[in-house]
Amino acid sequence: SGFTLNYYAIGWFRQAPGKEREGVSGISSGGLSTNYADSV
């Protein structure tokens, strides 16, 4: 109860067969900062 995304940074990751997990994108807890992998 009381949970809000404003307290959490959220990231998207991906993993293809035979490959290591890769960070794809993320958004900060305040929602003001984002980041992307060069590939996307």
Full PDB file with SEQRES, HELIX, SHEET, SSBOND, CRYST1, ORIGX, SCALE, CONECT and MASTER records, all heavy atoms in Angstrom:
SEQRES   1 A   40  SER GLY PHE THR LEU ASN TYR TYR ALA ILE GLY TRP PHE          
SEQRES   2 A   40  ARG GLN ALA PRO GLY LYS GLU ARG GLU GLY VAL SER GLY          
SEQRES   3 A   40  ILE SER SER GLY GLY LEU SER THR ASN TYR ALA ASP SER          
SEQRES   4 A   40  VAL                                                          
HELIX    1 AA1 LEU A    5  TYR A    7  5                                   3    
SHEET    1 AA1 3 ILE A  10  ARG A  14  0                                        
SHEET    2 AA1 3 GLU A  22  ILE A  27 -1                                        
SHEET    3 AA1 3 THR A  34  TYR A  36 -1                                        
CRYST1    1.000    1.000    1.000  90.00  90.00  90.00 P 1           1          
ORIGX1      1.000000  0.000000  0.000000        0.00000                         
ORIGX2      0.000000  1.000000  0.000000        0.00000                         
ORIGX3      0.000000  0.000000  1.000000        0.00000                         
SCALE1      1.000000  0.000000  0.000000        0.00000                         
SCALE2      0.000000  1.000000  0.000000        0.00000                         
SCALE3      0.000000  0.000000  1.000000        0.00000                         
ATOM      1  N   SER A   1       0.835  -1.188   0.000  1.00  0.00           N  
ATOM      2  CA  SER A   1       0.000   0.000   0.000  1.00  0.00           C  
ATOM      3  C   SER A   1       0.878   1.249   0.000  1.00  0.00           C  
ATOM      4  O   SER A   1       1.861   1.322   0.722  1.00  0.00           O  
ATOM      5  CB  SER A   1      -0.890  -0.010   1.257  1.00  0.00           C  
ATOM      6  OG  SER A   1      -1.644   1.163   1.327  1.00  0.00           O  
ATOM      7  N   GLY A   2       0.512   2.186  -0.863  1.00  0.00           N  
ATOM      8  CA  GLY A   2       1.289   3.409  -0.971  1.00  0.00           C  
ATOM      9  C   GLY A   2       2.392   3.354  -1.995  1.00  0.00           C  
ATOM     10  O   GLY A   2       3.104   4.329  -2.216  1.00  0.00           O  
ATOM     11  N   PHE A   3       2.510   2.206  -2.661  1.00  0.00           N  
ATOM     12  CA  PHE A   3       3.557   2.063  -3.679  1.00  0.00           C  
ATOM     13  C   PHE A   3       3.356   3.077  -4.792  1.00  0.00           C  
ATOM     14  O   PHE A   3       2.253   3.315  -5.252  1.00  0.00           O  
ATOM     15  CB  PHE A   3       3.521   0.649  -4.253  1.00  0.00           C  
ATOM     16  CG  PHE A   3       4.264   0.528  -5.542  1.00  0.00           C  
ATOM     17  CD1 PHE A   3       5.638   0.437  -5.533  1.00  0.00           C  
ATOM     18  CD2 PHE A   3       3.598   0.543  -6.756  1.00  0.00           C  
ATOM     19  CE1 PHE A   3       6.338   0.348  -6.717  1.00  0.00           C  
ATOM     20  CE2 PHE A   3       4.287   0.454  -7.950  1.00  0.00           C  
ATOM     21  CZ  PHE A   3       5.665   0.351  -7.930  1.00  0.00           C  
ATOM     22  N   THR A   4       4.471   3.649  -5.257  1.00  0.00           N  
ATOM     23  CA  THR A   4       4.440   4.547  -6.401  1.00  0.00           C  
ATOM     24  C   THR A   4       5.720   4.380  -7.198  1.00  0.00           C  
ATOM     25  O   THR A   4       6.799   4.149  -6.637  1.00  0.00           O  
ATOM     26  CB  THR A   4       4.261   6.007  -5.966  1.00  0.00           C  
ATOM     27  OG1 THR A   4       4.473   6.851  -7.110  1.00  0.00           O  
ATOM     28  CG2 THR A   4       5.253   6.390  -4.895  1.00  0.00           C  
ATOM     29  N   LEU A   5       5.591   4.534  -8.486  1.00  0.00           N  
ATOM     30  CA  LEU A   5       6.768   4.466  -9.358  1.00  0.00           C  
ATOM     31  C   LEU A   5       7.761   5.581  -9.058  1.00  0.00           C  
ATOM     32  O   LEU A   5       8.923   5.494  -9.446  1.00  0.00           O  
ATOM     33  CB  LEU A   5       6.352   4.539 -10.827  1.00  0.00           C  
ATOM     34  CG  LEU A   5       5.758   3.279 -11.449  1.00  0.00           C  
ATOM     35  CD1 LEU A   5       5.352   3.557 -12.891  1.00  0.00           C  
ATOM     36  CD2 LEU A   5       6.733   2.115 -11.388  1.00  0.00           C  
ATOM     37  N   ASN A   6       7.319   6.621  -8.392  1.00  0.00           N  
ATOM     38  CA  ASN A   6       8.211   7.733  -8.090  1.00  0.00           C  
ATOM     39  C   ASN A   6       9.354   7.333  -7.149  1.00  0.00           C  
ATOM     40  O   ASN A   6      10.300   8.099  -6.972  1.00  0.00           O  
ATOM     41  CB  ASN A   6       7.421   8.888  -7.481  1.00  0.00           C  
ATOM     42  CG  ASN A   6       6.576   9.602  -8.505  1.00  0.00           C  
ATOM     43  OD1 ASN A   6       6.965   9.739  -9.665  1.00  0.00           O  
ATOM     44  ND2 ASN A   6       5.399  10.052  -8.099  1.00  0.00           N  
ATOM     45  N   TYR A   7       9.249   6.157  -6.574  1.00  0.00           N  
ATOM     46  CA  TYR A   7      10.303   5.687  -5.671  1.00  0.00           C  
ATOM     47  C   TYR A   7      11.260   4.715  -6.353  1.00  0.00           C  
ATOM     48  O   TYR A   7      12.225   4.269  -5.726  1.00  0.00           O  
ATOM     49  CB  TYR A   7       9.696   4.984  -4.460  1.00  0.00           C  
ATOM     50  CG  TYR A   7       8.864   5.862  -3.562  1.00  0.00           C  
ATOM     51  CD1 TYR A   7       7.816   5.331  -2.800  1.00  0.00           C  
ATOM     52  CD2 TYR A   7       9.090   7.221  -3.464  1.00  0.00           C  
ATOM     53  CE1 TYR A   7       7.048   6.129  -1.981  1.00  0.00           C  
ATOM     54  CE2 TYR A   7       8.323   8.027  -2.643  1.00  0.00           C  
ATOM     55  CZ  TYR A   7       7.308   7.469  -1.902  1.00  0.00           C  
ATOM     56  OH  TYR A   7       6.529   8.261  -1.084  1.00  0.00           O  
ATOM     57  N   TYR A   8      10.990   4.388  -7.625  1.00  0.00           N  
ATOM     58  CA  TYR A   8      11.765   3.336  -8.275  1.00  0.00           C  
ATOM     59  C   TYR A   8      12.249   3.752  -9.662  1.00  0.00           C  
ATOM     60  O   TYR A   8      11.501   4.304 -10.458  1.00  0.00           O  
ATOM     61  CB  TYR A   8      10.919   2.065  -8.431  1.00  0.00           C  
ATOM     62  CG  TYR A   8      10.604   1.396  -7.113  1.00  0.00           C  
ATOM     63  CD1 TYR A   8       9.479   1.771  -6.398  1.00  0.00           C  
ATOM     64  CD2 TYR A   8      11.436   0.425  -6.595  1.00  0.00           C  
ATOM     65  CE1 TYR A   8       9.189   1.180  -5.181  1.00  0.00           C  
ATOM     66  CE2 TYR A   8      11.151  -0.182  -5.371  1.00  0.00           C  
ATOM     67  CZ  TYR A   8      10.032   0.215  -4.669  1.00  0.00           C  
ATOM     68  OH  TYR A   8       9.748  -0.377  -3.472  1.00  0.00           O  
ATOM     69  N   ALA A   9      13.502   3.452  -9.923  1.00  0.00           N  
ATOM     70  CA  ALA A   9      13.994   3.493 -11.286  1.00  0.00           C  
ATOM     71  C   ALA A   9      13.587   2.189 -11.961  1.00  0.00           C  
ATOM     72  O   ALA A   9      13.621   1.114 -11.332  1.00  0.00           O  
ATOM     73  CB  ALA A   9      15.513   3.636 -11.309  1.00  0.00           C  
ATOM     74  N   ILE A  10      13.199   2.268 -13.224  1.00  0.00           N  
ATOM     75  CA  ILE A  10      12.765   1.087 -13.963  1.00  0.00           C  
ATOM     76  C   ILE A  10      13.640   0.924 -15.199  1.00  0.00           C  
ATOM     77  O   ILE A  10      13.884   1.886 -15.930  1.00  0.00           O  
ATOM     78  CB  ILE A  10      11.296   1.211 -14.401  1.00  0.00           C  
ATOM     79  CG1 ILE A  10      10.384   1.437 -13.196  1.00  0.00           C  
ATOM     80  CG2 ILE A  10      10.884  -0.049 -15.180  1.00  0.00           C  
ATOM     81  CD1 ILE A  10      10.277   0.270 -12.232  1.00  0.00           C  
ATOM     82  N   GLY A  11      14.072  -0.281 -15.417  1.00  0.00           N  
ATOM     83  CA  GLY A  11      14.893  -0.567 -16.588  1.00  0.00           C  
ATOM     84  C   GLY A  11      14.294  -1.683 -17.422  1.00  0.00           C  
ATOM     85  O   GLY A  11      13.548  -2.520 -16.913  1.00  0.00           O  
ATOM     86  N   TRP A  12      14.596  -1.648 -18.689  1.00  0.00           N  
ATOM     87  CA  TRP A  12      14.257  -2.739 -19.615  1.00  0.00           C  
ATOM     88  C   TRP A  12      15.558  -3.412 -20.043  1.00  0.00           C  
ATOM     89  O   TRP A  12      16.504  -2.727 -20.446  1.00  0.00           O  
ATOM     90  CB  TRP A  12      13.517  -2.228 -20.838  1.00  0.00           C  
ATOM     91  CG  TRP A  12      12.076  -1.920 -20.617  1.00  0.00           C  
ATOM     92  CD1 TRP A  12      11.518  -0.697 -20.396  1.00  0.00           C  
ATOM     93  CD2 TRP A  12      10.994  -2.854 -20.609  1.00  0.00           C  
ATOM     94  NE1 TRP A  12      10.157  -0.808 -20.249  1.00  0.00           N  
ATOM     95  CE2 TRP A  12       9.810  -2.128 -20.381  1.00  0.00           C  
ATOM     96  CE3 TRP A  12      10.903  -4.236 -20.785  1.00  0.00           C  
ATOM     97  CZ2 TRP A  12       8.552  -2.729 -20.311  1.00  0.00           C  
ATOM     98  CZ3 TRP A  12       9.654  -4.845 -20.727  1.00  0.00           C  
ATOM     99  CH2 TRP A  12       8.510  -4.084 -20.482  1.00  0.00           C  
ATOM    100  N   PHE A  13      15.563  -4.709 -19.982  1.00  0.00           N  
ATOM    101  CA  PHE A  13      16.719  -5.504 -20.373  1.00  0.00           C  
ATOM    102  C   PHE A  13      16.264  -6.589 -21.340  1.00  0.00           C  
ATOM    103  O   PHE A  13      15.087  -6.899 -21.411  1.00  0.00           O  
ATOM    104  CB  PHE A  13      17.366  -6.146 -19.128  1.00  0.00           C  
ATOM    105  CG  PHE A  13      17.913  -5.140 -18.175  1.00  0.00           C  
ATOM    106  CD1 PHE A  13      17.090  -4.467 -17.276  1.00  0.00           C  
ATOM    107  CD2 PHE A  13      19.257  -4.817 -18.175  1.00  0.00           C  
ATOM    108  CE1 PHE A  13      17.585  -3.507 -16.405  1.00  0.00           C  
ATOM    109  CE2 PHE A  13      19.772  -3.862 -17.315  1.00  0.00           C  
ATOM    110  CZ  PHE A  13      18.935  -3.216 -16.425  1.00  0.00           C  
ATOM    111  N   ARG A  14      17.207  -7.158 -22.053  1.00  0.00           N  
ATOM    112  CA  ARG A  14      16.862  -8.257 -22.949  1.00  0.00           C  
ATOM    113  C   ARG A  14      17.985  -9.276 -22.961  1.00  0.00           C  
ATOM    114  O   ARG A  14      19.139  -8.954 -22.697  1.00  0.00           O  
ATOM    115  CB  ARG A  14      16.587  -7.744 -24.362  1.00  0.00           C  
ATOM    116  CG  ARG A  14      17.792  -7.154 -25.089  1.00  0.00           C  
ATOM    117  CD  ARG A  14      17.344  -6.564 -26.417  1.00  0.00           C  
ATOM    118  NE  ARG A  14      18.469  -6.013 -27.176  1.00  0.00           N  
ATOM    119  CZ  ARG A  14      18.335  -5.316 -28.306  1.00  0.00           C  
ATOM    120  NH1 ARG A  14      17.119  -5.082 -28.807  1.00  0.00           N  
ATOM    121  NH2 ARG A  14      19.407  -4.867 -28.922  1.00  0.00           N  
ATOM    122  N   GLN A  15      17.602 -10.498 -23.270  1.00  0.00           N  
ATOM    123  CA  GLN A  15      18.574 -11.566 -23.383  1.00  0.00           C  
ATOM    124  C   GLN A  15      18.185 -12.472 -24.532  1.00  0.00           C  
ATOM    125  O   GLN A  15      17.093 -13.059 -24.535  1.00  0.00           O  
ATOM    126  CB  GLN A  15      18.687 -12.357 -22.088  1.00  0.00           C  
ATOM    127  CG  GLN A  15      19.840 -13.349 -22.097  1.00  0.00           C  
ATOM    128  CD  GLN A  15      20.181 -13.865 -20.712  1.00  0.00           C  
ATOM    129  OE1 GLN A  15      19.363 -13.834 -19.800  1.00  0.00           O  
ATOM    130  NE2 GLN A  15      21.404 -14.339 -20.547  1.00  0.00           N  
ATOM    131  N   ALA A  16      19.082 -12.569 -25.492  1.00  0.00           N  
ATOM    132  CA  ALA A  16      18.892 -13.453 -26.630  1.00  0.00           C  
ATOM    133  C   ALA A  16      19.573 -14.790 -26.332  1.00  0.00           C  
ATOM    134  O   ALA A  16      20.509 -14.843 -25.524  1.00  0.00           O  
ATOM    135  CB  ALA A  16      19.471 -12.824 -27.887  1.00  0.00           C  
ATOM    136  N   PRO A  17      19.153 -15.857 -26.976  1.00  0.00           N  
ATOM    137  CA  PRO A  17      19.771 -17.169 -26.747  1.00  0.00           C  
ATOM    138  C   PRO A  17      21.274 -17.125 -26.976  1.00  0.00           C  
ATOM    139  O   PRO A  17      21.748 -16.617 -27.994  1.00  0.00           O  
ATOM    140  CB  PRO A  17      19.073 -18.065 -27.773  1.00  0.00           C  
ATOM    141  CG  PRO A  17      17.761 -17.419 -28.009  1.00  0.00           C  
ATOM    142  CD  PRO A  17      18.025 -15.941 -27.915  1.00  0.00           C  
ATOM    143  N   GLY A  18      22.023 -17.621 -26.015  1.00  0.00           N  
ATOM    144  CA  GLY A  18      23.475 -17.685 -26.146  1.00  0.00           C  
ATOM    145  C   GLY A  18      24.194 -16.372 -25.934  1.00  0.00           C  
ATOM    146  O   GLY A  18      25.413 -16.300 -26.116  1.00  0.00           O  
ATOM    147  N   LYS A  19      23.440 -15.337 -25.556  1.00  0.00           N  
ATOM    148  CA  LYS A  19      24.059 -14.023 -25.348  1.00  0.00           C  
ATOM    149  C   LYS A  19      23.853 -13.551 -23.918  1.00  0.00           C  
ATOM    150  O   LYS A  19      22.948 -14.011 -23.218  1.00  0.00           O  
ATOM    151  CB  LYS A  19      23.488 -13.007 -26.329  1.00  0.00           C  
ATOM    152  CG  LYS A  19      23.826 -13.293 -27.783  1.00  0.00           C  
ATOM    153  CD  LYS A  19      23.398 -12.147 -28.682  1.00  0.00           C  
ATOM    154  CE  LYS A  19      23.811 -12.383 -30.115  1.00  0.00           C  
ATOM    155  NZ  LYS A  19      23.418 -11.247 -31.000  1.00  0.00           N  
ATOM    156  N   GLU A  20      24.678 -12.617 -23.503  1.00  0.00           N  
ATOM    157  CA  GLU A  20      24.531 -12.040 -22.182  1.00  0.00           C  
ATOM    158  C   GLU A  20      23.357 -11.066 -22.156  1.00  0.00           C  
ATOM    159  O   GLU A  20      22.953 -10.518 -23.183  1.00  0.00           O  
ATOM    160  CB  GLU A  20      25.818 -11.308 -21.782  1.00  0.00           C  
ATOM    161  CG  GLU A  20      27.001 -12.237 -21.580  1.00  0.00           C  
ATOM    162  CD  GLU A  20      28.208 -11.510 -21.011  1.00  0.00           C  
ATOM    163  OE1 GLU A  20      28.137 -10.277 -20.868  1.00  0.00           O  
ATOM    164  OE2 GLU A  20      29.203 -12.186 -20.705  1.00  0.00           O  
ATOM    165  N   ARG A  21      22.841 -10.874 -20.958  1.00  0.00           N  
ATOM    166  CA  ARG A  21      21.780  -9.885 -20.777  1.00  0.00           C  
ATOM    167  C   ARG A  21      22.294  -8.495 -21.128  1.00  0.00           C  
ATOM    168  O   ARG A  21      23.425  -8.142 -20.800  1.00  0.00           O  
ATOM    169  CB  ARG A  21      21.303  -9.915 -19.326  1.00  0.00           C  
ATOM    170  CG  ARG A  21      20.141  -9.003 -19.013  1.00  0.00           C  
ATOM    171  CD  ARG A  21      19.749  -9.139 -17.558  1.00  0.00           C  
ATOM    172  NE  ARG A  21      20.846  -8.730 -16.687  1.00  0.00           N  
ATOM    173  CZ  ARG A  21      20.916  -9.033 -15.386  1.00  0.00           C  
ATOM    174  NH1 ARG A  21      19.968  -9.769 -14.836  1.00  0.00           N  
ATOM    175  NH2 ARG A  21      21.926  -8.628 -14.651  1.00  0.00           N  
ATOM    176  N   GLU A  22      21.439  -7.723 -21.771  1.00  0.00           N  
ATOM    177  CA  GLU A  22      21.816  -6.387 -22.239  1.00  0.00           C  
ATOM    178  C   GLU A  22      20.825  -5.360 -21.718  1.00  0.00           C  
ATOM    179  O   GLU A  22      19.611  -5.551 -21.802  1.00  0.00           O  
ATOM    180  CB  GLU A  22      21.811  -6.369 -23.773  1.00  0.00           C  
ATOM    181  CG  GLU A  22      22.028  -5.016 -24.399  1.00  0.00           C  
ATOM    182  CD  GLU A  22      21.803  -5.007 -25.898  1.00  0.00           C  
ATOM    183  OE1 GLU A  22      21.147  -5.922 -26.421  1.00  0.00           O  
ATOM    184  OE2 GLU A  22      22.285  -4.074 -26.556  1.00  0.00           O  
ATOM    185  N   GLY A  23      21.330  -4.262 -21.199  1.00  0.00           N  
ATOM    186  CA  GLY A  23      20.476  -3.158 -20.817  1.00  0.00           C  
ATOM    187  C   GLY A  23      19.981  -2.445 -22.053  1.00  0.00           C  
ATOM    188  O   GLY A  23      20.782  -2.074 -22.914  1.00  0.00           O  
ATOM    189  N   VAL A  24      18.683  -2.258 -22.162  1.00  0.00           N  
ATOM    190  CA  VAL A  24      18.081  -1.643 -23.348  1.00  0.00           C  
ATOM    191  C   VAL A  24      17.714  -0.189 -23.093  1.00  0.00           C  
ATOM    192  O   VAL A  24      18.059   0.696 -23.878  1.00  0.00           O  
ATOM    193  CB  VAL A  24      16.829  -2.431 -23.766  1.00  0.00           C  
ATOM    194  CG1 VAL A  24      16.122  -1.746 -24.928  1.00  0.00           C  
ATOM    195  CG2 VAL A  24      17.195  -3.860 -24.139  1.00  0.00           C  
ATOM    196  N   SER A  25      17.016   0.053 -21.988  1.00  0.00           N  
ATOM    197  CA  SER A  25      16.579   1.402 -21.676  1.00  0.00           C  
ATOM    198  C   SER A  25      16.218   1.476 -20.201  1.00  0.00           C  
ATOM    199  O   SER A  25      15.973   0.454 -19.550  1.00  0.00           O  
ATOM    200  CB  SER A  25      15.370   1.782 -22.534  1.00  0.00           C  
ATOM    201  OG  SER A  25      14.973   3.118 -22.276  1.00  0.00           O  
ATOM    202  N   GLY A  26      16.188   2.698 -19.680  1.00  0.00           N  
ATOM    203  CA  GLY A  26      15.805   2.883 -18.288  1.00  0.00           C  
ATOM    204  C   GLY A  26      15.269   4.275 -18.069  1.00  0.00           C  
ATOM    205  O   GLY A  26      15.543   5.197 -18.849  1.00  0.00           O  
ATOM    206  N   ILE A  27      14.490   4.419 -16.996  1.00  0.00           N  
ATOM    207  CA  ILE A  27      13.925   5.714 -16.641  1.00  0.00           C  
ATOM    208  C   ILE A  27      14.094   5.895 -15.142  1.00  0.00           C  
ATOM    209  O   ILE A  27      13.899   4.965 -14.348  1.00  0.00           O  
ATOM    210  CB  ILE A  27      12.448   5.807 -17.078  1.00  0.00           C  
ATOM    211  CG1 ILE A  27      11.894   7.212 -16.853  1.00  0.00           C  
ATOM    212  CG2 ILE A  27      11.586   4.755 -16.386  1.00  0.00           C  
ATOM    213  CD1 ILE A  27      10.569   7.463 -17.572  1.00  0.00           C  
ATOM    214  N   SER A  28      14.486   7.081 -14.749  1.00  0.00           N  
ATOM    215  CA  SER A  28      14.774   7.350 -13.345  1.00  0.00           C  
ATOM    216  C   SER A  28      13.503   7.372 -12.508  1.00  0.00           C  
ATOM    217  O   SER A  28      12.385   7.452 -13.021  1.00  0.00           O  
ATOM    218  CB  SER A  28      15.501   8.683 -13.217  1.00  0.00           C  
ATOM    219  OG  SER A  28      14.658   9.741 -13.643  1.00  0.00           O  
ATOM    220  N   SER A  29      13.687   7.335 -11.200  1.00  0.00           N  
ATOM    221  CA  SER A  29      12.551   7.323 -10.284  1.00  0.00           C  
ATOM    222  C   SER A  29      11.712   8.590 -10.406  1.00  0.00           C  
ATOM    223  O   SER A  29      10.491   8.552 -10.248  1.00  0.00           O  
ATOM    224  CB  SER A  29      13.036   7.133  -8.850  1.00  0.00           C  
ATOM    225  OG  SER A  29      14.085   8.033  -8.550  1.00  0.00           O  
ATOM    226  N   GLY A  30      12.341   9.703 -10.704  1.00  0.00           N  
ATOM    227  CA  GLY A  30      11.592  10.927 -10.898  1.00  0.00           C  
ATOM    228  C   GLY A  30      11.022  11.078 -12.292  1.00  0.00           C  
ATOM    229  O   GLY A  30      10.231  11.989 -12.549  1.00  0.00           O  
ATOM    230  N   GLY A  31      11.422  10.192 -13.172  1.00  0.00           N  
ATOM    231  CA  GLY A  31      10.914  10.223 -14.539  1.00  0.00           C  
ATOM    232  C   GLY A  31      11.577  11.242 -15.434  1.00  0.00           C  
ATOM    233  O   GLY A  31      11.208  11.389 -16.603  1.00  0.00           O  
ATOM    234  N   LEU A  32      12.585  11.946 -14.925  1.00  0.00           N  
ATOM    235  CA  LEU A  32      13.188  13.023 -15.709  1.00  0.00           C  
ATOM    236  C   LEU A  32      14.383  12.569 -16.525  1.00  0.00           C  
ATOM    237  O   LEU A  32      14.777  13.247 -17.476  1.00  0.00           O  
ATOM    238  CB  LEU A  32      13.610  14.159 -14.772  1.00  0.00           C  
ATOM    239  CG  LEU A  32      12.481  14.835 -14.004  1.00  0.00           C  
ATOM    240  CD1 LEU A  32      13.046  15.936 -13.101  1.00  0.00           C  
ATOM    241  CD2 LEU A  32      11.429  15.402 -14.947  1.00  0.00           C  
ATOM    242  N   SER A  33      14.957  11.443 -16.155  1.00  0.00           N  
ATOM    243  CA  SER A  33      16.144  10.959 -16.870  1.00  0.00           C  
ATOM    244  C   SER A  33      15.853   9.620 -17.520  1.00  0.00           C  
ATOM    245  O   SER A  33      15.226   8.746 -16.916  1.00  0.00           O  
ATOM    246  CB  SER A  33      17.320  10.794 -15.895  1.00  0.00           C  
ATOM    247  OG  SER A  33      17.703  12.041 -15.360  1.00  0.00           O  
ATOM    248  N   THR A  34      16.313   9.488 -18.745  1.00  0.00           N  
ATOM    249  CA  THR A  34      16.205   8.224 -19.461  1.00  0.00           C  
ATOM    250  C   THR A  34      17.553   7.890 -20.094  1.00  0.00           C  
ATOM    251  O   THR A  34      18.411   8.768 -20.268  1.00  0.00           O  
ATOM    252  CB  THR A  34      15.134   8.269 -20.559  1.00  0.00           C  
ATOM    253  OG1 THR A  34      15.470   9.300 -21.503  1.00  0.00           O  
ATOM    254  CG2 THR A  34      13.754   8.554 -19.983  1.00  0.00           C  
ATOM    255  N   ASN A  35      17.708   6.629 -20.441  1.00  0.00           N  
ATOM    256  CA  ASN A  35      18.932   6.221 -21.110  1.00  0.00           C  
ATOM    257  C   ASN A  35      18.604   5.070 -22.055  1.00  0.00           C  
ATOM    258  O   ASN A  35      17.651   4.315 -21.816  1.00  0.00           O  
ATOM    259  CB  ASN A  35      19.988   5.781 -20.089  1.00  0.00           C  
ATOM    260  CG  ASN A  35      21.385   5.806 -20.669  1.00  0.00           C  
ATOM    261  OD1 ASN A  35      21.585   6.242 -21.800  1.00  0.00           O  
ATOM    262  ND2 ASN A  35      22.362   5.351 -19.901  1.00  0.00           N  
ATOM    263  N   TYR A  36      19.374   4.958 -23.118  1.00  0.00           N  
ATOM    264  CA  TYR A  36      19.143   3.921 -24.112  1.00  0.00           C  
ATOM    265  C   TYR A  36      20.470   3.303 -24.541  1.00  0.00           C  
ATOM    266  O   TYR A  36      21.498   3.995 -24.628  1.00  0.00           O  
ATOM    267  CB  TYR A  36      18.476   4.516 -25.364  1.00  0.00           C  
ATOM    268  CG  TYR A  36      17.113   5.102 -25.115  1.00  0.00           C  
ATOM    269  CD1 TYR A  36      16.955   6.437 -24.768  1.00  0.00           C  
ATOM    270  CD2 TYR A  36      15.970   4.307 -25.222  1.00  0.00           C  
ATOM    271  CE1 TYR A  36      15.705   6.972 -24.528  1.00  0.00           C  
ATOM    272  CE2 TYR A  36      14.713   4.835 -24.975  1.00  0.00           C  
ATOM    273  CZ  TYR A  36      14.595   6.172 -24.630  1.00  0.00           C  
ATOM    274  OH  TYR A  36      13.346   6.690 -24.397  1.00  0.00           O  
ATOM    275  N   ALA A  37      20.434   2.033 -24.846  1.00  0.00           N  
ATOM    276  CA  ALA A  37      21.588   1.396 -25.457  1.00  0.00           C  
ATOM    277  C   ALA A  37      21.779   1.974 -26.856  1.00  0.00           C  
ATOM    278  O   ALA A  37      20.818   2.339 -27.532  1.00  0.00           O  
ATOM    279  CB  ALA A  37      21.366  -0.111 -25.541  1.00  0.00           C  
ATOM    280  N   ASP A  38      23.019   2.048 -27.285  1.00  0.00           N  
ATOM    281  CA  ASP A  38      23.303   2.596 -28.617  1.00  0.00           C  
ATOM    282  C   ASP A  38      22.551   1.833 -29.704  1.00  0.00           C  
ATOM    283  O   ASP A  38      22.137   2.417 -30.716  1.00  0.00           O  
ATOM    284  CB  ASP A  38      24.801   2.543 -28.896  1.00  0.00           C  
ATOM    285  CG  ASP A  38      25.581   3.554 -28.084  1.00  0.00           C  
ATOM    286  OD1 ASP A  38      24.970   4.505 -27.558  1.00  0.00           O  
ATOM    287  OD2 ASP A  38      26.811   3.396 -27.957  1.00  0.00           O  
ATOM    288  N   SER A  39      22.369   0.546 -29.492  1.00  0.00           N  
ATOM    289  CA  SER A  39      21.738  -0.294 -30.509  1.00  0.00           C  
ATOM    290  C   SER A  39      20.260   0.012 -30.726  1.00  0.00           C  
ATOM    291  O   SER A  39      19.690  -0.403 -31.738  1.00  0.00           O  
ATOM    292  CB  SER A  39      21.905  -1.763 -30.143  1.00  0.00           C  
ATOM    293  OG  SER A  39      21.342  -2.036 -28.872  1.00  0.00           O  
ATOM    294  N   VAL A  40      19.639   0.741 -29.788  1.00  0.00           N  
ATOM    295  CA  VAL A  40      18.206   1.011 -29.911  1.00  0.00           C  
ATOM    296  C   VAL A  40      17.885   2.496 -29.965  1.00  0.00           C  
ATOM    297  O   VAL A  40      16.720   2.873 -30.136  1.00  0.00           O  
ATOM    298  CB  VAL A  40      17.400   0.349 -28.772  1.00  0.00           C  
ATOM    299  CG1 VAL A  40      17.713  -1.139 -28.685  1.00  0.00           C  
ATOM    300  CG2 VAL A  40      17.641   1.045 -27.441  1.00  0.00           C  
TER     301      VAL A  40                                                      
MASTER        0    0    0    1    3    0    0    6  300    1    0    4          
END                                                                             
